[in-house]
N, C-alpha and C. Protein backbone atom coordinates (compact mmCIF):
# COMPACT_ATOMS: atom_id res chain seq x y z
N UNK A 1 -11.80 14.65 21.50
CA UNK A 1 -12.68 14.70 20.37
C UNK A 1 -12.07 15.64 19.31
N UNK A 2 -12.04 15.17 18.05
CA UNK A 2 -11.49 15.97 16.96
C UNK A 2 -12.53 16.94 16.43
N UNK A 3 -12.19 18.22 16.32
CA UNK A 3 -13.15 19.17 15.76
C UNK A 3 -13.40 18.86 14.28
N UNK A 4 -14.63 18.96 13.87
CA UNK A 4 -14.95 18.76 12.46
C UNK A 4 -15.14 17.32 12.05
N UNK A 5 -14.98 16.36 12.97
CA UNK A 5 -15.17 14.95 12.65
C UNK A 5 -16.43 14.48 13.36
N UNK A 6 -17.39 14.00 12.56
CA UNK A 6 -18.64 13.55 13.16
C UNK A 6 -18.45 12.17 13.80
N UNK A 7 -19.39 11.79 14.61
CA UNK A 7 -19.34 10.47 15.24
C UNK A 7 -19.38 9.36 14.18
N UNK A 8 -20.17 9.55 13.13
CA UNK A 8 -20.23 8.57 12.05
C UNK A 8 -18.88 8.45 11.34
N UNK A 9 -18.23 9.58 11.07
CA UNK A 9 -16.91 9.56 10.44
C UNK A 9 -15.89 8.87 11.36
N UNK A 10 -15.97 9.14 12.65
CA UNK A 10 -15.07 8.51 13.61
C UNK A 10 -15.23 6.99 13.60
N UNK A 11 -16.49 6.50 13.55
CA UNK A 11 -16.75 5.06 13.48
C UNK A 11 -16.19 4.46 12.18
N UNK A 12 -16.40 5.18 11.07
CA UNK A 12 -15.90 4.70 9.79
C UNK A 12 -14.38 4.57 9.81
N UNK A 13 -13.70 5.56 10.32
CA UNK A 13 -12.24 5.53 10.42
C UNK A 13 -11.79 4.36 11.30
N UNK A 14 -12.44 4.18 12.45
CA UNK A 14 -12.09 3.09 13.36
C UNK A 14 -12.29 1.74 12.68
N UNK A 15 -13.38 1.57 11.92
CA UNK A 15 -13.62 0.32 11.20
C UNK A 15 -12.56 0.08 10.14
N UNK A 16 -12.20 1.13 9.40
CA UNK A 16 -11.17 1.00 8.37
C UNK A 16 -9.82 0.64 8.99
N UNK A 17 -9.50 1.25 10.10
CA UNK A 17 -8.24 0.94 10.78
C UNK A 17 -8.23 -0.51 11.25
N UNK A 18 -9.35 -0.99 11.76
CA UNK A 18 -9.45 -2.37 12.24
C UNK A 18 -9.28 -3.37 11.09
N UNK A 19 -9.76 -3.01 9.89
CA UNK A 19 -9.64 -3.89 8.73
C UNK A 19 -8.30 -3.73 8.02
N UNK A 20 -7.55 -2.69 8.37
CA UNK A 20 -6.28 -2.47 7.71
C UNK A 20 -6.38 -1.73 6.40
N UNK A 21 -7.49 -1.03 6.17
CA UNK A 21 -7.68 -0.34 4.89
C UNK A 21 -7.55 1.17 5.00
N UNK A 22 -7.17 1.67 6.15
CA UNK A 22 -7.10 3.12 6.35
C UNK A 22 -5.72 3.68 6.02
N UNK A 23 -4.69 2.90 6.21
CA UNK A 23 -3.33 3.40 6.07
C UNK A 23 -2.59 2.75 4.90
N UNK A 24 -1.57 3.42 4.45
CA UNK A 24 -0.66 2.83 3.46
C UNK A 24 0.73 3.37 3.74
N UNK A 25 1.71 2.73 3.13
CA UNK A 25 3.11 3.14 3.31
C UNK A 25 3.78 3.08 1.95
N UNK A 26 4.76 3.93 1.73
CA UNK A 26 5.52 3.94 0.48
C UNK A 26 6.96 3.58 0.80
N UNK A 27 7.48 2.58 0.12
CA UNK A 27 8.87 2.14 0.27
C UNK A 27 9.56 2.25 -1.08
N UNK A 28 10.89 2.06 -1.09
CA UNK A 28 11.62 2.04 -2.36
C UNK A 28 12.53 0.83 -2.39
N UNK A 29 12.86 0.41 -3.60
CA UNK A 29 13.73 -0.75 -3.80
C UNK A 29 14.66 -0.48 -4.97
N UNK A 30 15.86 -1.00 -4.88
CA UNK A 30 16.82 -0.85 -5.98
C UNK A 30 16.42 -1.71 -7.18
N UNK A 31 15.87 -2.90 -6.93
CA UNK A 31 15.47 -3.83 -7.98
C UNK A 31 13.99 -4.17 -7.79
N UNK A 32 13.12 -3.32 -8.32
CA UNK A 32 11.68 -3.47 -8.13
C UNK A 32 11.17 -4.79 -8.71
N UNK A 33 11.61 -5.14 -9.92
CA UNK A 33 11.14 -6.39 -10.53
C UNK A 33 11.60 -7.60 -9.73
N UNK A 34 12.85 -7.61 -9.30
CA UNK A 34 13.35 -8.72 -8.50
C UNK A 34 12.61 -8.84 -7.18
N UNK A 35 12.31 -7.71 -6.55
CA UNK A 35 11.56 -7.73 -5.30
C UNK A 35 10.17 -8.31 -5.52
N UNK A 36 9.49 -7.90 -6.58
CA UNK A 36 8.14 -8.41 -6.84
C UNK A 36 8.17 -9.89 -7.17
N UNK A 37 9.20 -10.37 -7.84
CA UNK A 37 9.33 -11.81 -8.09
C UNK A 37 9.43 -12.56 -6.77
N UNK A 38 10.24 -12.03 -5.84
CA UNK A 38 10.39 -12.66 -4.52
C UNK A 38 9.08 -12.62 -3.75
N UNK A 39 8.39 -11.47 -3.77
CA UNK A 39 7.12 -11.35 -3.05
C UNK A 39 6.09 -12.33 -3.60
N UNK A 40 5.98 -12.43 -4.92
CA UNK A 40 5.01 -13.34 -5.53
C UNK A 40 5.35 -14.80 -5.22
N UNK A 41 6.64 -15.13 -5.19
CA UNK A 41 7.06 -16.49 -4.86
C UNK A 41 6.71 -16.86 -3.43
N UNK A 42 6.49 -15.84 -2.60
CA UNK A 42 6.15 -16.06 -1.19
C UNK A 42 4.67 -15.77 -0.90
N UNK A 43 3.85 -15.83 -1.97
CA UNK A 43 2.39 -15.70 -1.86
C UNK A 43 1.91 -14.37 -1.28
N UNK A 44 2.67 -13.30 -1.51
CA UNK A 44 2.21 -11.97 -1.10
C UNK A 44 1.18 -11.51 -2.12
N UNK A 45 0.09 -10.89 -1.65
CA UNK A 45 -0.96 -10.42 -2.54
C UNK A 45 -0.50 -9.17 -3.28
N UNK A 46 -0.34 -9.28 -4.59
CA UNK A 46 0.06 -8.16 -5.42
C UNK A 46 -1.19 -7.42 -5.87
N UNK A 47 -1.23 -6.14 -5.57
CA UNK A 47 -2.36 -5.30 -5.97
C UNK A 47 -2.11 -4.65 -7.32
N UNK A 48 -0.83 -4.34 -7.61
CA UNK A 48 -0.45 -3.72 -8.88
C UNK A 48 0.97 -4.14 -9.21
N UNK A 49 1.14 -4.75 -10.36
CA UNK A 49 2.47 -5.11 -10.84
C UNK A 49 3.29 -3.84 -11.03
N UNK A 50 4.62 -3.93 -11.03
CA UNK A 50 5.45 -2.75 -11.30
C UNK A 50 5.04 -2.11 -12.63
N UNK A 51 4.78 -0.79 -12.57
CA UNK A 51 4.24 -0.05 -13.71
C UNK A 51 4.90 1.32 -13.81
N UNK A 52 5.17 1.75 -15.05
CA UNK A 52 5.65 3.12 -15.27
C UNK A 52 4.47 4.06 -15.08
N UNK A 53 4.61 5.01 -14.18
CA UNK A 53 3.54 5.96 -13.92
C UNK A 53 3.74 7.22 -14.78
N UNK A 54 2.65 7.92 -15.13
CA UNK A 54 2.74 9.11 -15.98
C UNK A 54 3.63 10.20 -15.39
N UNK A 55 3.78 10.23 -14.07
CA UNK A 55 4.60 11.27 -13.43
C UNK A 55 6.07 10.89 -13.35
N UNK A 56 6.45 9.75 -13.98
CA UNK A 56 7.86 9.40 -14.09
C UNK A 56 8.38 8.38 -13.11
N UNK A 57 7.58 7.95 -12.16
CA UNK A 57 8.00 6.95 -11.19
C UNK A 57 7.53 5.58 -11.63
N UNK A 58 8.35 4.59 -11.38
CA UNK A 58 7.95 3.21 -11.62
C UNK A 58 7.64 2.60 -10.27
N UNK A 59 6.41 2.08 -10.10
CA UNK A 59 6.05 1.52 -8.81
C UNK A 59 5.06 0.37 -8.94
N UNK A 60 4.82 -0.29 -7.82
CA UNK A 60 3.85 -1.36 -7.72
C UNK A 60 3.27 -1.35 -6.32
N UNK A 61 2.31 -2.24 -6.07
CA UNK A 61 1.67 -2.25 -4.75
C UNK A 61 1.34 -3.67 -4.33
N UNK A 62 1.47 -3.92 -3.03
CA UNK A 62 1.08 -5.19 -2.43
C UNK A 62 0.21 -4.89 -1.21
N UNK A 63 -0.42 -5.95 -0.69
CA UNK A 63 -1.23 -5.80 0.52
C UNK A 63 -0.55 -6.58 1.63
N UNK A 64 -0.40 -5.95 2.80
CA UNK A 64 0.21 -6.66 3.92
C UNK A 64 -0.84 -7.56 4.59
N UNK A 65 -0.42 -8.43 5.52
CA UNK A 65 -1.37 -9.37 6.13
C UNK A 65 -2.56 -8.70 6.83
N UNK A 66 -2.42 -7.44 7.25
CA UNK A 66 -3.52 -6.73 7.91
C UNK A 66 -4.43 -6.04 6.90
N UNK A 67 -4.07 -6.10 5.60
CA UNK A 67 -4.89 -5.49 4.57
C UNK A 67 -4.45 -4.11 4.14
N UNK A 68 -3.35 -3.61 4.70
CA UNK A 68 -2.86 -2.28 4.34
C UNK A 68 -2.14 -2.31 3.00
N UNK A 69 -2.24 -1.21 2.27
CA UNK A 69 -1.55 -1.07 1.01
C UNK A 69 -0.09 -0.68 1.25
N UNK A 70 0.81 -1.40 0.59
CA UNK A 70 2.24 -1.07 0.64
C UNK A 70 2.67 -0.78 -0.80
N UNK A 71 2.98 0.46 -1.10
CA UNK A 71 3.45 0.85 -2.43
C UNK A 71 4.97 0.84 -2.40
N UNK A 72 5.57 0.31 -3.47
CA UNK A 72 7.02 0.24 -3.57
C UNK A 72 7.42 0.84 -4.89
N UNK A 73 8.35 1.80 -4.85
CA UNK A 73 8.79 2.43 -6.09
C UNK A 73 10.24 2.09 -6.36
N UNK A 74 10.60 2.16 -7.63
CA UNK A 74 11.99 1.90 -8.06
C UNK A 74 12.86 3.04 -7.56
N UNK A 75 13.91 2.70 -6.86
CA UNK A 75 14.84 3.70 -6.36
C UNK A 75 15.64 4.28 -7.51
N UNK A 76 15.79 5.59 -7.53
CA UNK A 76 16.53 6.24 -8.63
C UNK A 76 18.00 5.93 -8.55
């Protein structure tokens, strides 16, 4: 049992994990636009097109088949 985590919070986390909405991963690509073109051509669900972020990174996001967020940033 985790200290500080209520039974309700534990159930919520377990439900989110089962739906694939609890976790995310960050990857990088040399050609972000080319990668997103390939992903879209293969019917991958795009959550965010490649975008310049205010903090200087260019990134986008897709959803994997389990519903998890996969963020991909342009490799420097």
